[in-house]
Amino acid sequence: MNKKERVRAVLAGARPDRIPASFWFHFPDGAKHGAASVKSHMDYLAATDVDFLKIFNEHPYQTAFEIKEPADWGRLRPASLSSPFFQAMLEETRAIVEAVDGQCLTVTTVFGPFGEGNHATGGLVTEHYREDPAAVAHGLKVIAESLAEFSLALLDCGTDGIYFSAQGGERGRFSEEQFLSDLKPCDLTVLEAIDGKAEFNLLHICKDDVRLEHYLDYPANAVNWAAAKSNWSMAEGLAQFKRPVVGGLHDRGVIVDGSLDNIEKAVHAVLDDVGDRNFMVGADCTLPTDNSLANIRQAVQATASWPALS
């Protein structure tokens, strides 16, 4: 199988020739935007041989005015798709998809409304929500409307799906009632807009100690979360989500500082636990920017030497 066939087999519930694998990290400053970003993605694909490519979005959401006080959220209106930060990302996505030229499937990053709200305010969402939940809830809904339109535009650029980074679901951040009433509906605004419109929408549930049960009905073709920490294991999540899952390796673990031999053993251990259906090897989250490319390549290639394949 080639890379696309391998990933598509997993998405269809079939047994691939070997388990696909992919990892990602933020590129360093100077390599995040424009032509430099295109080169970074292509160099990374060549060096690591990942089975699908995550396209990074280094163009954070911007509001029309500075949000200083909690009440300011109540004045937000959706950012236009013509906004420079949206247009820059659309241009990069088109260029990267063209450069990939069908070598593998691509998923382009869209941060959820909570994450983009923090990008736009320097991390004030949680603090402001505690002071004025109604105003912040309004602002997050507005951002969600913008992101839904943006996500559809990204699909029009030729990417094979959206990597949706869902944030804000940790048990200690908001109450269960607050998450269900004000955060989850905003995530769903974006995900429902793209549901059925791409072959590989990948839901990433960010952070540790998350109420994963509230994400079971989020529409996506596959799911990734921090299974190597205190959330559900890969096997538990596979049973709960009832669709393909991605992950298994700690993002600050053996793939960062382990030997090549130990990386291979770790990948095999994950595969022994999860099996050969509905699974792709990945990490809990984004790897360190200076992660060894050789280590990543080893983790990808290790699936081919898994004894159960023979």
C-alpha atoms as a PDB file:
ATOM      1  CA  MET A   1       0.000   0.000   0.000  1.00  0.00           C
ATOM      2  CA  ASN A   2       1.038   3.601  -0.441  1.00  0.00           C
ATOM      3  CA  LYS A   3       0.524   6.158   2.330  1.00  0.00           C
ATOM      4  CA  LYS A   4      -2.946   7.211   1.209  1.00  0.00           C
ATOM      5  CA  GLU A   5      -4.158   3.632   0.780  1.00  0.00           C
ATOM      6  CA  ARG A   6      -2.781   2.699   4.191  1.00  0.00           C
ATOM      7  CA  VAL A   7      -4.594   5.483   6.036  1.00  0.00           C
ATOM      8  CA  ARG A   8      -7.778   4.960   4.043  1.00  0.00           C
ATOM      9  CA  ALA A   9      -7.761   1.284   4.986  1.00  0.00           C
ATOM     10  CA  VAL A  10      -7.750   2.222   8.667  1.00  0.00           C
ATOM     11  CA  LEU A  11     -10.512   4.789   8.191  1.00  0.00           C
ATOM     12  CA  ALA A  12     -12.586   2.075   6.493  1.00  0.00           C
ATOM     13  CA  GLY A  13     -12.000  -0.432   9.289  1.00  0.00           C
ATOM     14  CA  ALA A  14      -9.831  -2.689   7.123  1.00  0.00           C
ATOM     15  CA  ARG A  15      -6.426  -4.174   7.930  1.00  0.00           C
ATOM     16  CA  PRO A  16      -3.588  -2.181   6.329  1.00  0.00           C
ATOM     17  CA  ASP A  17      -0.309  -3.662   5.148  1.00  0.00           C
ATOM     18  CA  ARG A  18       1.208  -2.045   8.232  1.00  0.00           C
ATOM     19  CA  ILE A  19      -0.186   0.329  10.838  1.00  0.00           C
ATOM     20  CA  PRO A  20       0.118   3.970   9.689  1.00  0.00           C
ATOM     21  CA  ALA A  21       1.921   6.452  11.887  1.00  0.00           C
ATOM     22  CA  SER A  22       2.282  10.208  12.041  1.00  0.00           C
ATOM     23  CA  PHE A  23       3.726  12.798  14.408  1.00  0.00           C
ATOM     24  CA  TRP A  24       4.122  16.564  14.299  1.00  0.00           C
ATOM     25  CA  PHE A  25       5.754  19.542  15.965  1.00  0.00           C
ATOM     26  CA  HIS A  26       5.727  23.325  15.590  1.00  0.00           C
ATOM     27  CA  PHE A  27       8.432  24.510  13.236  1.00  0.00           C
ATOM     28  CA  PRO A  28      10.921  27.068  14.605  1.00  0.00           C
ATOM     29  CA  ASP A  29      10.541  30.809  14.240  1.00  0.00           C
ATOM     30  CA  GLY A  30      11.456  31.859  10.735  1.00  0.00           C
ATOM     31  CA  ALA A  31       9.985  28.666   9.275  1.00  0.00           C
ATOM     32  CA  LYS A  32       6.314  29.095  10.178  1.00  0.00           C
ATOM     33  CA  HIS A  33       4.886  31.372   7.503  1.00  0.00           C
ATOM     34  CA  GLY A  34       4.621  31.699   3.752  1.00  0.00           C
ATOM     35  CA  ALA A  35       7.110  29.932   1.514  1.00  0.00           C
ATOM     36  CA  ALA A  36       9.212  28.989   4.547  1.00  0.00           C
ATOM     37  CA  SER A  37       6.239  27.107   5.996  1.00  0.00           C
ATOM     38  CA  VAL A  38       5.719  25.212   2.758  1.00  0.00           C
ATOM     39  CA  LYS A  39       9.385  24.197   2.727  1.00  0.00           C
ATOM     40  CA  SER A  40       9.259  23.186   6.405  1.00  0.00           C
ATOM     41  CA  HIS A  41       6.316  20.868   5.832  1.00  0.00           C
ATOM     42  CA  MET A  42       7.859  19.269   2.758  1.00  0.00           C
ATOM     43  CA  ASP A  43      11.271  18.804   4.362  1.00  0.00           C
ATOM     44  CA  TYR A  44       9.574  17.243   7.387  1.00  0.00           C
ATOM     45  CA  LEU A  45       7.560  14.832   5.232  1.00  0.00           C
ATOM     46  CA  ALA A  46      10.698  13.730   3.396  1.00  0.00           C
ATOM     47  CA  ALA A  47      12.775  13.327   6.552  1.00  0.00           C
ATOM     48  CA  THR A  48      10.251  11.445   8.705  1.00  0.00           C
ATOM     49  CA  ASP A  49       8.224   9.485   6.132  1.00  0.00           C
ATOM     50  CA  VAL A  50       4.989  10.030   8.120  1.00  0.00           C
ATOM     51  CA  ASP A  51       1.895   8.394   6.639  1.00  0.00           C
ATOM     52  CA  PHE A  52      -0.197  11.563   6.774  1.00  0.00           C
ATOM     53  CA  LEU A  53       0.855  15.182   7.126  1.00  0.00           C
ATOM     54  CA  LYS A  54      -0.572  17.619   9.663  1.00  0.00           C
ATOM     55  CA  ILE A  55      -0.492  21.150   8.272  1.00  0.00           C
ATOM     56  CA  PHE A  56       0.220  23.645  11.032  1.00  0.00           C
ATOM     57  CA  ASN A  57      -1.746  26.849  11.501  1.00  0.00           C
ATOM     58  CA  GLU A  58       0.498  29.588  12.874  1.00  0.00           C
ATOM     59  CA  HIS A  59      -1.960  32.418  12.163  1.00  0.00           C
ATOM     60  CA  PRO A  60      -3.894  32.978  15.405  1.00  0.00           C
ATOM     61  CA  TYR A  61      -7.396  34.413  15.476  1.00  0.00           C
ATOM     62  CA  GLN A  62      -7.617  38.164  15.819  1.00  0.00           C
ATOM     63  CA  THR A  63     -10.483  40.302  17.070  1.00  0.00           C
ATOM     64  CA  ALA A  64     -11.456  43.688  15.680  1.00  0.00           C
ATOM     65  CA  PHE A  65     -10.695  45.332  19.031  1.00  0.00           C
ATOM     66  CA  GLU A  66      -8.649  44.440  22.081  1.00  0.00           C
ATOM     67  CA  ILE A  67     -10.505  42.420  24.687  1.00  0.00           C
ATOM     68  CA  LYS A  68      -9.505  43.789  28.079  1.00  0.00           C
ATOM     69  CA  GLU A  69     -12.546  43.226  30.290  1.00  0.00           C
ATOM     70  CA  PRO A  70     -14.949  40.280  30.477  1.00  0.00           C
ATOM     71  CA  ALA A  71     -17.823  42.395  29.147  1.00  0.00           C
ATOM     72  CA  ASP A  72     -15.851  43.064  25.953  1.00  0.00           C
ATOM     73  CA  TRP A  73     -16.649  39.544  24.736  1.00  0.00           C
ATOM     74  CA  GLY A  74     -20.275  40.577  24.376  1.00  0.00           C
ATOM     75  CA  ARG A  75     -19.367  43.030  21.606  1.00  0.00           C
ATOM     76  CA  LEU A  76     -17.611  40.536  19.344  1.00  0.00           C
ATOM     77  CA  ARG A  77     -18.762  39.909  15.796  1.00  0.00           C
ATOM     78  CA  PRO A  78     -17.515  37.126  13.515  1.00  0.00           C
ATOM     79  CA  ALA A  79     -14.199  37.772  11.787  1.00  0.00           C
ATOM     80  CA  SER A  80     -14.568  37.942   8.032  1.00  0.00           C
ATOM     81  CA  LEU A  81     -13.079  35.192   5.903  1.00  0.00           C
ATOM     82  CA  SER A  82     -11.226  37.995   4.118  1.00  0.00           C
ATOM     83  CA  SER A  83      -9.309  38.758   7.331  1.00  0.00           C
ATOM     84  CA  PRO A  84      -5.537  38.663   6.724  1.00  0.00           C
ATOM     85  CA  PHE A  85      -4.916  35.886   9.271  1.00  0.00           C
ATOM     86  CA  PHE A  86      -7.469  33.618   7.580  1.00  0.00           C
ATOM     87  CA  GLN A  87      -6.246  34.438   4.081  1.00  0.00           C
ATOM     88  CA  ALA A  88      -2.605  33.782   4.973  1.00  0.00           C
ATOM     89  CA  MET A  89      -3.494  30.305   6.237  1.00  0.00           C
ATOM     90  CA  LEU A  90      -5.639  29.541   3.214  1.00  0.00           C
ATOM     91  CA  GLU A  91      -2.786  30.540   0.916  1.00  0.00           C
ATOM     92  CA  GLU A  92      -0.301  28.348   2.787  1.00  0.00           C
ATOM     93  CA  THR A  93      -2.675  25.401   2.777  1.00  0.00           C
ATOM     94  CA  ARG A  94      -3.159  25.625  -0.992  1.00  0.00           C
ATOM     95  CA  ALA A  95       0.599  25.764  -1.504  1.00  0.00           C
ATOM     96  CA  ILE A  96       1.359  22.842   0.819  1.00  0.00           C
ATOM     97  CA  VAL A  97      -1.361  20.651  -0.685  1.00  0.00           C
ATOM     98  CA  GLU A  98       0.005  21.421  -4.149  1.00  0.00           C
ATOM     99  CA  ALA A  99       3.553  20.608  -3.027  1.00  0.00           C
ATOM    100  CA  VAL A 100       2.485  17.318  -1.414  1.00  0.00           C
ATOM    101  CA  ASP A 101       0.982  16.405  -4.773  1.00  0.00           C
ATOM    102  CA  GLY A 102      -0.906  13.359  -3.547  1.00  0.00           C
ATOM    103  CA  GLN A 103       1.977  11.703  -1.692  1.00  0.00           C
ATOM    104  CA  CYS A 104      -0.193  11.379   1.415  1.00  0.00           C
ATOM    105  CA  LEU A 105      -3.372  12.660   2.996  1.00  0.00           C
ATOM    106  CA  THR A 106      -3.189  16.036   4.734  1.00  0.00           C
ATOM    107  CA  VAL A 107      -5.126  17.400   7.713  1.00  0.00           C
ATOM    108  CA  THR A 108      -5.048  21.142   8.329  1.00  0.00           C
ATOM    109  CA  THR A 109      -5.116  22.559  11.837  1.00  0.00           C
ATOM    110  CA  VAL A 110      -8.108  24.485  13.145  1.00  0.00           C
ATOM    111  CA  PHE A 111      -8.049  25.440  16.805  1.00  0.00           C
ATOM    112  CA  GLY A 112     -11.415  25.317  18.523  1.00  0.00           C
ATOM    113  CA  PRO A 113     -13.197  28.448  19.776  1.00  0.00           C
ATOM    114  CA  PHE A 114     -11.742  28.160  23.279  1.00  0.00           C
ATOM    115  CA  GLY A 115      -8.196  27.911  21.928  1.00  0.00           C
ATOM    116  CA  GLU A 116      -8.632  30.733  19.444  1.00  0.00           C
ATOM    117  CA  GLY A 117     -10.253  32.865  22.124  1.00  0.00           C
ATOM    118  CA  ASN A 118      -7.101  32.437  24.160  1.00  0.00           C
ATOM    119  CA  HIS A 119      -4.920  33.202  21.142  1.00  0.00           C
ATOM    120  CA  ALA A 120      -6.801  36.457  20.617  1.00  0.00           C
ATOM    121  CA  THR A 121      -6.645  37.559  24.259  1.00  0.00           C
ATOM    122  CA  GLY A 122      -3.396  36.170  25.604  1.00  0.00           C
ATOM    123  CA  GLY A 123      -5.106  33.395  27.525  1.00  0.00           C
ATOM    124  CA  LEU A 124      -7.975  35.226  29.216  1.00  0.00           C
ATOM    125  CA  VAL A 125     -10.908  32.943  28.368  1.00  0.00           C
ATOM    126  CA  THR A 126     -11.059  31.026  31.655  1.00  0.00           C
ATOM    127  CA  GLU A 127     -10.499  34.079  33.862  1.00  0.00           C
ATOM    128  CA  HIS A 128     -13.047  36.179  32.020  1.00  0.00           C
ATOM    129  CA  TYR A 129     -15.593  33.361  31.889  1.00  0.00           C
ATOM    130  CA  ARG A 130     -15.545  33.082  35.653  1.00  0.00           C
ATOM    131  CA  GLU A 131     -16.389  36.769  35.915  1.00  0.00           C
ATOM    132  CA  ASP A 132     -18.931  37.078  33.100  1.00  0.00           C
ATOM    133  CA  PRO A 133     -19.912  33.710  31.631  1.00  0.00           C
ATOM    134  CA  ALA A 134     -22.697  35.115  29.448  1.00  0.00           C
ATOM    135  CA  ALA A 135     -20.436  37.609  27.688  1.00  0.00           C
ATOM    136  CA  VAL A 136     -17.657  35.073  27.087  1.00  0.00           C
ATOM    137  CA  ALA A 137     -20.160  32.467  25.891  1.00  0.00           C
ATOM    138  CA  HIS A 138     -21.381  34.989  23.322  1.00  0.00           C
ATOM    139  CA  GLY A 139     -17.827  35.661  22.184  1.00  0.00           C
ATOM    140  CA  LEU A 140     -17.022  31.975  21.806  1.00  0.00           C
ATOM    141  CA  LYS A 141     -20.162  31.461  19.703  1.00  0.00           C
ATOM    142  CA  VAL A 142     -19.082  34.303  17.437  1.00  0.00           C
ATOM    143  CA  ILE A 143     -15.604  32.825  17.019  1.00  0.00           C
ATOM    144  CA  ALA A 144     -17.164  29.431  16.290  1.00  0.00           C
ATOM    145  CA  GLU A 145     -19.192  30.932  13.434  1.00  0.00           C
ATOM    146  CA  SER A 146     -16.008  32.325  11.906  1.00  0.00           C
ATOM    147  CA  LEU A 147     -14.142  29.052  12.314  1.00  0.00           C
ATOM    148  CA  ALA A 148     -16.915  27.047  10.664  1.00  0.00           C
ATOM    149  CA  GLU A 149     -16.686  29.204   7.540  1.00  0.00           C
ATOM    150  CA  PHE A 150     -12.876  29.086   7.665  1.00  0.00           C
ATOM    151  CA  SER A 151     -12.835  25.294   7.963  1.00  0.00           C
ATOM    152  CA  LEU A 152     -14.992  24.898   4.876  1.00  0.00           C
ATOM    153  CA  ALA A 153     -12.677  27.257   2.990  1.00  0.00           C
ATOM    154  CA  LEU A 154      -9.685  25.133   4.020  1.00  0.00           C
ATOM    155  CA  LEU A 155     -11.372  22.053   2.575  1.00  0.00           C
ATOM    156  CA  ASP A 156     -11.868  23.978  -0.646  1.00  0.00           C
ATOM    157  CA  CYS A 157      -8.077  24.427  -0.726  1.00  0.00           C
ATOM    158  CA  GLY A 158      -7.720  20.685  -1.249  1.00  0.00           C
ATOM    159  CA  THR A 159      -6.740  19.452   2.199  1.00  0.00           C
ATOM    160  CA  ASP A 160      -8.173  16.012   2.993  1.00  0.00           C
ATOM    161  CA  GLY A 161      -9.564  17.013   6.367  1.00  0.00           C
ATOM    162  CA  ILE A 162      -9.427  19.253   9.388  1.00  0.00           C
ATOM    163  CA  TYR A 163      -7.312  18.549  12.464  1.00  0.00           C
ATOM    164  CA  PHE A 164      -9.639  20.106  15.035  1.00  0.00           C
ATOM    165  CA  SER A 165      -7.929  20.960  18.317  1.00  0.00           C
ATOM    166  CA  ALA A 166     -10.632  20.851  20.998  1.00  0.00           C
ATOM    167  CA  GLN A 167      -9.546  22.600  24.186  1.00  0.00           C
ATOM    168  CA  GLY A 168     -11.082  23.532  27.520  1.00  0.00           C
ATOM    169  CA  GLY A 169     -12.417  20.146  28.568  1.00  0.00           C
ATOM    170  CA  GLU A 170     -10.218  19.479  31.602  1.00  0.00           C
ATOM    171  CA  ARG A 171     -12.122  18.516  34.739  1.00  0.00           C
ATOM    172  CA  GLY A 172     -10.522  21.260  36.794  1.00  0.00           C
ATOM    173  CA  ARG A 173     -11.140  24.127  34.358  1.00  0.00           C
ATOM    174  CA  PHE A 174     -14.933  24.366  34.076  1.00  0.00           C
ATOM    175  CA  SER A 175     -17.807  22.550  35.696  1.00  0.00           C
ATOM    176  CA  GLU A 176     -19.495  19.815  33.717  1.00  0.00           C
ATOM    177  CA  GLU A 177     -22.572  22.016  33.298  1.00  0.00           C
ATOM    178  CA  GLN A 178     -20.495  24.950  32.031  1.00  0.00           C
ATOM    179  CA  PHE A 179     -18.677  22.802  29.494  1.00  0.00           C
ATOM    180  CA  LEU A 180     -21.877  21.290  28.178  1.00  0.00           C
ATOM    181  CA  SER A 181     -23.769  24.565  27.975  1.00  0.00           C
ATOM    182  CA  ASP A 182     -21.113  26.964  26.668  1.00  0.00           C
ATOM    183  CA  LEU A 183     -18.068  25.154  25.244  1.00  0.00           C
ATOM    184  CA  LYS A 184     -19.303  21.967  23.625  1.00  0.00           C
ATOM    185  CA  PRO A 185     -21.930  23.694  21.431  1.00  0.00           C
ATOM    186  CA  CYS A 186     -19.209  25.981  20.047  1.00  0.00           C
ATOM    187  CA  ASP A 187     -16.993  23.032  19.139  1.00  0.00           C
ATOM    188  CA  LEU A 188     -19.952  21.360  17.463  1.00  0.00           C
ATOM    189  CA  THR A 189     -20.706  24.460  15.400  1.00  0.00           C
ATOM    190  CA  VAL A 190     -17.379  23.944  13.646  1.00  0.00           C
ATOM    191  CA  LEU A 191     -17.360  20.156  13.488  1.00  0.00           C
ATOM    192  CA  GLU A 192     -20.918  19.854  12.224  1.00  0.00           C
ATOM    193  CA  ALA A 193     -20.150  22.332   9.444  1.00  0.00           C
ATOM    194  CA  ILE A 194     -17.485  20.009   8.025  1.00  0.00           C
ATOM    195  CA  ASP A 195     -19.082  16.688   8.933  1.00  0.00           C
ATOM    196  CA  GLY A 196     -19.281  14.478   5.847  1.00  0.00           C
ATOM    197  CA  LYS A 197     -17.413  16.992   3.703  1.00  0.00           C
ATOM    198  CA  ALA A 198     -13.930  15.444   4.067  1.00  0.00           C
ATOM    199  CA  GLU A 199     -12.535  11.945   4.295  1.00  0.00           C
ATOM    200  CA  PHE A 200     -10.190  12.512   7.233  1.00  0.00           C
ATOM    201  CA  ASN A 201     -11.387  14.956   9.867  1.00  0.00           C
ATOM    202  CA  LEU A 202      -9.233  14.259  12.925  1.00  0.00           C
ATOM    203  CA  LEU A 203     -10.462  15.320  16.367  1.00  0.00           C
ATOM    204  CA  HIS A 204      -7.629  16.140  18.773  1.00  0.00           C
ATOM    205  CA  ILE A 205      -8.786  16.424  22.391  1.00  0.00           C
ATOM    206  CA  CYS A 206      -6.104  18.484  24.058  1.00  0.00           C
ATOM    207  CA  LYS A 207      -4.690  18.258  27.607  1.00  0.00           C
ATOM    208  CA  ASP A 208      -4.766  15.767  30.471  1.00  0.00           C
ATOM    209  CA  ASP A 209      -7.596  14.730  32.819  1.00  0.00           C
ATOM    210  CA  VAL A 210     -10.340  15.537  30.309  1.00  0.00           C
ATOM    211  CA  ARG A 211     -13.984  14.485  30.509  1.00  0.00           C
ATOM    212  CA  LEU A 212     -13.610  12.358  27.404  1.00  0.00           C
ATOM    213  CA  GLU A 213     -17.122  10.980  27.681  1.00  0.00           C
ATOM    214  CA  HIS A 214     -18.480  14.348  26.541  1.00  0.00           C
ATOM    215  CA  TYR A 215     -16.617  14.053  23.230  1.00  0.00           C
ATOM    216  CA  LEU A 216     -18.048  10.711  22.181  1.00  0.00           C
ATOM    217  CA  ASP A 217     -20.632  12.312  19.902  1.00  0.00           C
ATOM    218  CA  TYR A 218     -18.266  14.846  18.312  1.00  0.00           C
ATOM    219  CA  PRO A 219     -18.337  14.140  14.553  1.00  0.00           C
ATOM    220  CA  ALA A 220     -14.914  13.166  13.185  1.00  0.00           C
ATOM    221  CA  ASN A 221     -13.380  10.302  11.240  1.00  0.00           C
ATOM    222  CA  ALA A 222     -10.712   9.602  13.873  1.00  0.00           C
ATOM    223  CA  VAL A 223      -9.800  10.760  17.367  1.00  0.00           C
ATOM    224  CA  ASN A 224      -6.515  11.605  19.126  1.00  0.00           C
ATOM    225  CA  TRP A 225      -6.029  12.354  22.836  1.00  0.00           C
ATOM    226  CA  ALA A 226      -3.436  12.106  25.600  1.00  0.00           C
ATOM    227  CA  ALA A 227      -3.801   8.407  26.243  1.00  0.00           C
ATOM    228  CA  ALA A 228      -0.311   8.012  27.703  1.00  0.00           C
ATOM    229  CA  LYS A 229      -1.258  10.259  30.629  1.00  0.00           C
ATOM    230  CA  SER A 230      -4.269   9.991  32.974  1.00  0.00           C
ATOM    231  CA  ASN A 231      -6.994   9.831  30.312  1.00  0.00           C
ATOM    232  CA  TRP A 232      -8.409   6.655  28.789  1.00  0.00           C
ATOM    233  CA  SER A 233      -5.885   4.281  27.277  1.00  0.00           C
ATOM    234  CA  MET A 234      -5.903   3.767  23.522  1.00  0.00           C
ATOM    235  CA  ALA A 235      -7.743   0.461  23.908  1.00  0.00           C
ATOM    236  CA  GLU A 236     -10.344   2.023  26.224  1.00  0.00           C
ATOM    237  CA  GLY A 237     -10.853   4.964  23.885  1.00  0.00           C
ATOM    238  CA  LEU A 238     -11.126   2.712  20.854  1.00  0.00           C
ATOM    239  CA  ALA A 239     -13.963   0.847  22.550  1.00  0.00           C
ATOM    240  CA  GLN A 240     -15.682   4.071  23.618  1.00  0.00           C
ATOM    241  CA  PHE A 241     -15.325   6.204  20.486  1.00  0.00           C
ATOM    242  CA  LYS A 242     -16.174   3.309  18.148  1.00  0.00           C
ATOM    243  CA  ARG A 243     -14.081   4.708  15.308  1.00  0.00           C
ATOM    244  CA  PRO A 244     -10.368   4.821  14.436  1.00  0.00           C
ATOM    245  CA  VAL A 245      -8.044   6.365  17.002  1.00  0.00           C
ATOM    246  CA  VAL A 246      -4.576   7.894  16.729  1.00  0.00           C
ATOM    247  CA  GLY A 247      -1.854   8.003  19.383  1.00  0.00           C
ATOM    248  CA  GLY A 248      -0.212   5.771  21.957  1.00  0.00           C
ATOM    249  CA  LEU A 249       3.143   7.468  22.613  1.00  0.00           C
ATOM    250  CA  HIS A 250       3.825  10.093  25.281  1.00  0.00           C
ATOM    251  CA  ASP A 251       4.713  13.382  23.596  1.00  0.00           C
ATOM    252  CA  ARG A 252       7.565  13.901  26.045  1.00  0.00           C
ATOM    253  CA  GLY A 253       8.543  10.251  26.372  1.00  0.00           C
ATOM    254  CA  VAL A 254      10.661   7.733  24.505  1.00  0.00           C
ATOM    255  CA  ILE A 255      10.241   9.369  21.098  1.00  0.00           C
ATOM    256  CA  VAL A 256      11.961  12.455  22.511  1.00  0.00           C
ATOM    257  CA  ASP A 257      14.963  10.985  24.314  1.00  0.00           C
ATOM    258  CA  GLY A 258      14.879   7.215  23.843  1.00  0.00           C
ATOM    259  CA  SER A 259      17.202   5.040  21.800  1.00  0.00           C
ATOM    260  CA  LEU A 260      16.076   3.849  18.388  1.00  0.00           C
ATOM    261  CA  ASP A 261      15.739   0.331  19.781  1.00  0.00           C
ATOM    262  CA  ASN A 262      13.565   1.485  22.664  1.00  0.00           C
ATOM    263  CA  ILE A 263      11.379   3.555  20.329  1.00  0.00           C
ATOM    264  CA  GLU A 264      10.726   0.458  18.240  1.00  0.00           C
ATOM    265  CA  LYS A 265       9.888  -1.554  21.374  1.00  0.00           C
ATOM    266  CA  ALA A 266       7.504   1.164  22.579  1.00  0.00           C
ATOM    267  CA  VAL A 267       5.654   1.226  19.255  1.00  0.00           C
ATOM    268  CA  HIS A 268       5.367  -2.557  19.277  1.00  0.00           C
ATOM    269  CA  ALA A 269       4.018  -2.471  22.839  1.00  0.00           C
ATOM    270  CA  VAL A 270       1.300  -0.035  21.818  1.00  0.00           C
ATOM    271  CA  LEU A 271       0.352  -2.184  18.851  1.00  0.00           C
ATOM    272  CA  ASP A 272       0.269  -5.304  21.038  1.00  0.00           C
ATOM    273  CA  ASP A 273      -2.262  -3.504  23.233  1.00  0.00           C
ATOM    274  CA  VAL A 274      -4.480  -1.986  20.547  1.00  0.00           C
ATOM    275  CA  GLY A 275      -4.243  -4.413  17.630  1.00  0.00           C
ATOM    276  CA  ASP A 276      -4.293  -4.087  13.855  1.00  0.00           C
ATOM    277  CA  ARG A 277      -7.688  -2.480  13.236  1.00  0.00           C
ATOM    278  CA  ASN A 278      -8.901   1.100  13.548  1.00  0.00           C
ATOM    279  CA  PHE A 279      -5.596   2.433  14.830  1.00  0.00           C
ATOM    280  CA  MET A 280      -2.779   4.737  13.760  1.00  0.00           C
ATOM    281  CA  VAL A 281       0.322   5.359  15.839  1.00  0.00           C
ATOM    282  CA  GLY A 282       0.898   8.930  17.012  1.00  0.00           C
ATOM    283  CA  ALA A 283       1.675  10.974  20.092  1.00  0.00           C
ATOM    284  CA  ASP A 284      -0.471  12.472  22.824  1.00  0.00           C
ATOM    285  CA  CYS A 285       0.069  15.942  21.407  1.00  0.00           C
ATOM    286  CA  THR A 286       2.630  18.072  19.577  1.00  0.00           C
ATOM    287  CA  LEU A 287       6.246  16.959  19.992  1.00  0.00           C
ATOM    288  CA  PRO A 288       9.039  19.362  21.004  1.00  0.00           C
ATOM    289  CA  THR A 289      10.248  21.563  18.153  1.00  0.00           C
ATOM    290  CA  ASP A 290      13.786  20.171  18.468  1.00  0.00           C
ATOM    291  CA  ASN A 291      12.657  16.530  18.464  1.00  0.00           C
ATOM    292  CA  SER A 292      15.075  14.289  16.571  1.00  0.00           C
ATOM    293  CA  LEU A 293      13.769  13.600  13.074  1.00  0.00           C
ATOM    294  CA  ALA A 294      15.550  10.257  13.179  1.00  0.00           C
ATOM    295  CA  ASN A 295      13.524   9.315  16.266  1.00  0.00           C
ATOM    296  CA  ILE A 296      10.285  10.225  14.517  1.00  0.00           C
ATOM    297  CA  ARG A 297      11.244   8.267  11.430  1.00  0.00           C
ATOM    298  CA  GLN A 298      12.073   5.275  13.621  1.00  0.00           C
ATOM    299  CA  ALA A 299       8.639   5.414  15.258  1.00  0.00           C
ATOM    300  CA  VAL A 300       7.000   5.474  11.821  1.00  0.00           C
ATOM    301  CA  GLN A 301       9.096   2.628  10.449  1.00  0.00           C
ATOM    302  CA  ALA A 302       8.698   0.527  13.607  1.00  0.00           C
ATOM    303  CA  THR A 303       5.154  -0.420  12.627  1.00  0.00           C
ATOM    304  CA  ALA A 304       6.564  -2.401   9.685  1.00  0.00           C
ATOM    305  CA  SER A 305       8.640  -4.609  12.015  1.00  0.00           C
ATOM    306  CA  TRP A 306       5.772  -5.406  14.395  1.00  0.00           C
ATOM    307  CA  PRO A 307       5.882  -9.236  14.694  1.00  0.00           C
ATOM    308  CA  ALA A 308       2.090  -9.596  14.521  1.00  0.00           C
ATOM    309  CA  LEU A 309       2.149  -8.380  10.901  1.00  0.00           C
ATOM    310  CA  SER A 310       3.754 -11.591   9.703  1.00  0.00           C
END
